[in-house]
C-alpha atoms as a PDB file:
ATOM      1  CA  UNK A   1      69.436 215.642  -1.067  1.00  0.00           C
ATOM      2  CA  UNK A   2      67.464 214.516  -4.102  1.00  0.00           C
ATOM      3  CA  UNK A   3      66.122 217.191  -6.414  1.00  0.00           C
ATOM      4  CA  UNK A   4      62.643 216.171  -7.517  1.00  0.00           C
ATOM      5  CA  UNK A   5      60.894 217.516 -10.584  1.00  0.00           C
ATOM      6  CA  UNK A   6      57.106 217.552 -10.724  1.00  0.00           C
ATOM      7  CA  UNK A   7      55.783 216.020 -13.947  1.00  0.00           C
ATOM      8  CA  UNK A   8      52.318 215.987 -15.424  1.00  0.00           C
ATOM      9  CA  UNK A   9      50.674 212.567 -15.918  1.00  0.00           C
ATOM     10  CA  UNK A  10      51.297 212.623 -19.692  1.00  0.00           C
ATOM     11  CA  UNK A  11      54.777 214.185 -19.600  1.00  0.00           C
ATOM     12  CA  UNK A  12      56.804 212.843 -22.510  1.00  0.00           C
ATOM     13  CA  UNK A  13      53.759 211.166 -24.080  1.00  0.00           C
ATOM     14  CA  UNK A  14      51.884 214.102 -25.583  1.00  0.00           C
ATOM     15  CA  UNK A  15      51.164 215.973 -27.781  1.00  0.00           C
ATOM     16  CA  UNK A  16      50.681 213.655 -30.736  1.00  0.00           C
ATOM     17  CA  UNK A  17      48.851 213.725 -34.046  1.00  0.00           C
ATOM     18  CA  UNK A  18      47.655 210.863 -36.220  1.00  0.00           C
ATOM     19  CA  UNK A  19      46.014 211.906 -39.474  1.00  0.00           C
ATOM     20  CA  UNK A  20      43.691 214.801 -38.698  1.00  0.00           C
ATOM     21  CA  UNK A  21      43.291 213.972 -35.016  1.00  0.00           C
ATOM     22  CA  UNK A  22      45.357 215.608 -32.280  1.00  0.00           C
ATOM     23  CA  UNK A  23      45.807 214.362 -28.726  1.00  0.00           C
ATOM     24  CA  UNK A  24      46.990 216.866 -26.108  1.00  0.00           C
ATOM     25  CA  UNK A  25      47.245 216.979 -22.337  1.00  0.00           C
ATOM     26  CA  UNK A  26      44.966 219.234 -20.301  1.00  0.00           C
ATOM     27  CA  UNK A  27      46.318 220.364 -16.936  1.00  0.00           C
ATOM     28  CA  UNK A  28      44.324 221.713 -14.017  1.00  0.00           C
ATOM     29  CA  UNK A  29      45.750 224.151 -11.491  1.00  0.00           C
ATOM     30  CA  UNK A  30      43.162 222.846  -9.049  1.00  0.00           C
ATOM     31  CA  UNK A  31      40.637 219.990  -9.213  1.00  0.00           C
ATOM     32  CA  UNK A  32      38.283 219.582  -6.269  1.00  0.00           C
ATOM     33  CA  UNK A  33      35.768 216.813  -5.614  1.00  0.00           C
ATOM     34  CA  UNK A  34      32.539 218.195  -4.117  1.00  0.00           C
ATOM     35  CA  UNK A  35      29.952 215.960  -2.445  1.00  0.00           C
ATOM     36  CA  UNK A  36      27.154 218.011  -0.850  1.00  0.00           C
ATOM     37  CA  UNK A  37      25.964 216.906   2.567  1.00  0.00           C
ATOM     38  CA  UNK A  38      22.347 215.685   2.802  1.00  0.00           C
ATOM     39  CA  UNK A  39      19.924 218.487   1.972  1.00  0.00           C
ATOM     40  CA  UNK A  40      22.690 220.947   1.003  1.00  0.00           C
ATOM     41  CA  UNK A  41      22.575 220.717  -2.820  1.00  0.00           C
ATOM     42  CA  UNK A  42      20.891 224.122  -3.245  1.00  0.00           C
ATOM     43  CA  UNK A  43      23.216 225.839  -0.775  1.00  0.00           C
ATOM     44  CA  UNK A  44      26.273 224.284  -2.454  1.00  0.00           C
ATOM     45  CA  UNK A  45      24.950 225.261  -5.873  1.00  0.00           C
ATOM     46  CA  UNK A  46      24.384 228.855  -4.741  1.00  0.00           C
ATOM     47  CA  UNK A  47      27.851 229.064  -3.147  1.00  0.00           C
ATOM     48  CA  UNK A  48      29.506 227.653  -6.294  1.00  0.00           C
ATOM     49  CA  UNK A  49      27.647 230.211  -8.424  1.00  0.00           C
ATOM     50  CA  UNK A  50      29.115 232.976  -6.259  1.00  0.00           C
ATOM     51  CA  UNK A  51      32.619 231.482  -6.170  1.00  0.00           C
ATOM     52  CA  UNK A  52      33.179 230.049  -9.658  1.00  0.00           C
ATOM     53  CA  UNK A  53      30.246 231.335 -11.723  1.00  0.00           C
ATOM     54  CA  UNK A  54      28.462 227.985 -12.215  1.00  0.00           C
ATOM     55  CA  UNK A  55      25.896 226.010 -10.255  1.00  0.00           C
ATOM     56  CA  UNK A  56      25.822 222.227  -9.832  1.00  0.00           C
ATOM     57  CA  UNK A  57      24.889 220.905 -13.284  1.00  0.00           C
ATOM     58  CA  UNK A  58      22.438 218.064 -13.795  1.00  0.00           C
ATOM     59  CA  UNK A  59      23.763 214.499 -13.998  1.00  0.00           C
ATOM     60  CA  UNK A  60      25.793 213.864 -17.165  1.00  0.00           C
ATOM     61  CA  UNK A  61      26.446 217.562 -17.707  1.00  0.00           C
ATOM     62  CA  UNK A  62      29.290 220.057 -17.341  1.00  0.00           C
ATOM     63  CA  UNK A  63      28.787 223.783 -16.843  1.00  0.00           C
ATOM     64  CA  UNK A  64      31.843 226.021 -16.755  1.00  0.00           C
ATOM     65  CA  UNK A  65      34.339 224.620 -14.264  1.00  0.00           C
ATOM     66  CA  UNK A  66      31.776 222.305 -12.604  1.00  0.00           C
ATOM     67  CA  UNK A  67      31.367 218.757 -13.938  1.00  0.00           C
ATOM     68  CA  UNK A  68      29.023 216.018 -12.744  1.00  0.00           C
ATOM     69  CA  UNK A  69      31.212 213.094 -11.730  1.00  0.00           C
ATOM     70  CA  UNK A  70      28.873 210.426 -10.449  1.00  0.00           C
ATOM     71  CA  UNK A  71      26.132 209.925  -7.888  1.00  0.00           C
ATOM     72  CA  UNK A  72      26.155 212.990  -5.637  1.00  0.00           C
ATOM     73  CA  UNK A  73      29.642 214.093  -6.717  1.00  0.00           C
ATOM     74  CA  UNK A  74      30.949 216.920  -8.890  1.00  0.00           C
ATOM     75  CA  UNK A  75      34.458 217.984  -9.889  1.00  0.00           C
ATOM     76  CA  UNK A  76      35.304 221.672  -9.820  1.00  0.00           C
ATOM     77  CA  UNK A  77      38.399 222.898 -11.647  1.00  0.00           C
ATOM     78  CA  UNK A  78      38.944 225.742  -9.197  1.00  0.00           C
ATOM     79  CA  UNK A  79      39.457 226.275  -5.477  1.00  0.00           C
ATOM     80  CA  UNK A  80      36.193 226.313  -3.532  1.00  0.00           C
ATOM     81  CA  UNK A  81      35.203 226.996   0.073  1.00  0.00           C
ATOM     82  CA  UNK A  82      32.169 224.942   1.126  1.00  0.00           C
ATOM     83  CA  UNK A  83      32.776 224.470   4.861  1.00  0.00           C
ATOM     84  CA  UNK A  84      29.783 222.795   6.503  1.00  0.00           C
ATOM     85  CA  UNK A  85      27.978 222.299   3.190  1.00  0.00           C
ATOM     86  CA  UNK A  86      29.924 219.567   1.395  1.00  0.00           C
ATOM     87  CA  UNK A  87      32.796 217.146   1.604  1.00  0.00           C
ATOM     88  CA  UNK A  88      35.552 218.731  -0.492  1.00  0.00           C
ATOM     89  CA  UNK A  89      38.661 216.786  -1.493  1.00  0.00           C
ATOM     90  CA  UNK A  90      41.650 217.977  -3.501  1.00  0.00           C
ATOM     91  CA  UNK A  91      41.931 215.691  -6.558  1.00  0.00           C
ATOM     92  CA  UNK A  92      44.425 217.789  -8.521  1.00  0.00           C
ATOM     93  CA  UNK A  93      47.143 215.144  -8.756  1.00  0.00           C
ATOM     94  CA  UNK A  94      44.807 212.142  -8.990  1.00  0.00           C
ATOM     95  CA  UNK A  95      43.623 212.505 -12.581  1.00  0.00           C
ATOM     96  CA  UNK A  96      45.103 212.662 -16.064  1.00  0.00           C
ATOM     97  CA  UNK A  97      43.102 214.658 -18.584  1.00  0.00           C
ATOM     98  CA  UNK A  98      43.582 214.629 -22.343  1.00  0.00           C
ATOM     99  CA  UNK A  99      41.810 216.384 -25.173  1.00  0.00           C
ATOM    100  CA  UNK A 100      41.251 214.519 -28.412  1.00  0.00           C
ATOM    101  CA  UNK A 101      40.085 216.632 -31.332  1.00  0.00           C
ATOM    102  CA  UNK A 102      39.798 216.657 -35.087  1.00  0.00           C
ATOM    103  CA  UNK A 103      37.993 215.242 -38.077  1.00  0.00           C
ATOM    104  CA  UNK A 104      37.078 211.614 -37.274  1.00  0.00           C
ATOM    105  CA  UNK A 105      37.350 211.878 -33.481  1.00  0.00           C
ATOM    106  CA  UNK A 106      33.948 210.220 -33.009  1.00  0.00           C
ATOM    107  CA  UNK A 107      35.150 207.275 -35.111  1.00  0.00           C
ATOM    108  CA  UNK A 108      38.218 206.929 -32.894  1.00  0.00           C
ATOM    109  CA  UNK A 109      36.167 206.923 -29.719  1.00  0.00           C
ATOM    110  CA  UNK A 110      33.554 204.554 -31.194  1.00  0.00           C
ATOM    111  CA  UNK A 111      36.311 201.908 -31.289  1.00  0.00           C
ATOM    112  CA  UNK A 112      36.905 202.245 -27.549  1.00  0.00           C
ATOM    113  CA  UNK A 113      33.854 203.669 -25.746  1.00  0.00           C
ATOM    114  CA  UNK A 114      30.471 201.885 -25.412  1.00  0.00           C
ATOM    115  CA  UNK A 115      28.526 205.171 -25.397  1.00  0.00           C
ATOM    116  CA  UNK A 116      26.944 206.908 -28.395  1.00  0.00           C
ATOM    117  CA  UNK A 117      29.101 210.037 -28.673  1.00  0.00           C
ATOM    118  CA  UNK A 118      27.677 211.351 -31.949  1.00  0.00           C
ATOM    119  CA  UNK A 119      27.020 215.097 -31.825  1.00  0.00           C
ATOM    120  CA  UNK A 120      23.292 214.585 -32.420  1.00  0.00           C
ATOM    121  CA  UNK A 121      23.046 212.688 -29.113  1.00  0.00           C
ATOM    122  CA  UNK A 122      26.045 213.732 -27.018  1.00  0.00           C
ATOM    123  CA  UNK A 123      26.169 217.522 -27.245  1.00  0.00           C
ATOM    124  CA  UNK A 124      28.715 220.061 -25.979  1.00  0.00           C
ATOM    125  CA  UNK A 125      28.682 220.022 -22.181  1.00  0.00           C
ATOM    126  CA  UNK A 126      27.496 216.404 -21.987  1.00  0.00           C
ATOM    127  CA  UNK A 127      29.647 214.141 -19.830  1.00  0.00           C
ATOM    128  CA  UNK A 128      29.556 210.431 -19.081  1.00  0.00           C
ATOM    129  CA  UNK A 129      31.298 208.100 -16.665  1.00  0.00           C
ATOM    130  CA  UNK A 130      31.980 205.031 -18.771  1.00  0.00           C
ATOM    131  CA  UNK A 131      34.676 202.636 -19.944  1.00  0.00           C
ATOM    132  CA  UNK A 132      37.362 203.293 -22.528  1.00  0.00           C
ATOM    133  CA  UNK A 133      38.781 199.906 -23.459  1.00  0.00           C
ATOM    134  CA  UNK A 134      39.246 198.422 -19.962  1.00  0.00           C
ATOM    135  CA  UNK A 135      39.608 201.719 -18.051  1.00  0.00           C
ATOM    136  CA  UNK A 136      37.026 203.696 -16.132  1.00  0.00           C
ATOM    137  CA  UNK A 137      36.940 207.232 -17.565  1.00  0.00           C
ATOM    138  CA  UNK A 138      34.944 210.435 -17.724  1.00  0.00           C
ATOM    139  CA  UNK A 139      34.282 211.641 -21.284  1.00  0.00           C
ATOM    140  CA  UNK A 140      33.065 215.200 -21.918  1.00  0.00           C
ATOM    141  CA  UNK A 141      32.280 216.832 -25.245  1.00  0.00           C
ATOM    142  CA  UNK A 142      33.996 220.235 -25.286  1.00  0.00           C
ATOM    143  CA  UNK A 143      33.481 221.184 -28.935  1.00  0.00           C
ATOM    144  CA  UNK A 144      31.987 220.045 -32.255  1.00  0.00           C
ATOM    145  CA  UNK A 145      34.862 217.597 -32.812  1.00  0.00           C
ATOM    146  CA  UNK A 146      36.591 217.639 -29.430  1.00  0.00           C
ATOM    147  CA  UNK A 147      36.397 215.654 -26.199  1.00  0.00           C
ATOM    148  CA  UNK A 148      38.148 215.695 -22.855  1.00  0.00           C
ATOM    149  CA  UNK A 149      38.855 212.328 -21.289  1.00  0.00           C
ATOM    150  CA  UNK A 150      39.795 211.902 -17.634  1.00  0.00           C
ATOM    151  CA  UNK A 151      41.383 208.763 -16.221  1.00  0.00           C
ATOM    152  CA  UNK A 152      43.154 207.953 -12.966  1.00  0.00           C
ATOM    153  CA  UNK A 153      46.712 209.264 -13.178  1.00  0.00           C
ATOM    154  CA  UNK A 154      48.225 205.771 -12.992  1.00  0.00           C
ATOM    155  CA  UNK A 155      46.427 204.861 -16.246  1.00  0.00           C
ATOM    156  CA  UNK A 156      47.691 207.852 -18.289  1.00  0.00           C
ATOM    157  CA  UNK A 157      50.173 205.904 -20.414  1.00  0.00           C
ATOM    158  CA  UNK A 158      47.610 203.172 -21.118  1.00  0.00           C
ATOM    159  CA  UNK A 159      45.022 205.785 -22.121  1.00  0.00           C
ATOM    160  CA  UNK A 160      47.455 207.463 -24.513  1.00  0.00           C
ATOM    161  CA  UNK A 161      48.470 204.114 -26.011  1.00  0.00           C
ATOM    162  CA  UNK A 162      44.885 202.928 -26.555  1.00  0.00           C
ATOM    163  CA  UNK A 163      43.875 206.250 -28.109  1.00  0.00           C
ATOM    164  CA  UNK A 164      46.935 206.256 -30.371  1.00  0.00           C
ATOM    165  CA  UNK A 165      46.167 202.749 -31.668  1.00  0.00           C
ATOM    166  CA  UNK A 166      42.579 203.758 -32.456  1.00  0.00           C
ATOM    167  CA  UNK A 167      43.749 207.064 -34.007  1.00  0.00           C
ATOM    168  CA  UNK A 168      46.121 205.164 -36.296  1.00  0.00           C
ATOM    169  CA  UNK A 169      43.336 202.806 -37.334  1.00  0.00           C
ATOM    170  CA  UNK A 170      41.038 205.680 -38.282  1.00  0.00           C
ATOM    171  CA  UNK A 171      43.866 207.578 -40.036  1.00  0.00           C
ATOM    172  CA  UNK A 172      44.711 204.465 -42.109  1.00  0.00           C
ATOM    173  CA  UNK A 173      41.202 204.208 -43.578  1.00  0.00           C
END
């Protein structure tokens, strides 16, 4: 019988550093998609507060383990029980998440993302569903010079490659 080994989406690709910018993989023990049923937003928010310590954040925001992920959908990086209140789907293996951090990180992302990610506009806890090069991603500011980027697992190698090319360009300046 074959002996299979579970690998993360960026296994063998990360970590990497170019200049002062580091790119690392972020893994989630659990990642759940939550879509409240009609009229259940408050009940879902209250239940999440009790279970994971955060309510449903406003669009384009992340609060604790709960991240807005599009119209009527949030991602929760924890196990949740919302029977009868929301459609909950396990997304743990569907996404690749990387953190890019360091001096010049905004310059790197400006080469790839059509959203103004400067700290004066896009503050810690802000998140956006947007494009990075040709890929659909979620970008979240997690620190003064740090972002988390989520992409479908099948695009992990492309994400790492595109970020590395932009990192090299910024480092060469």
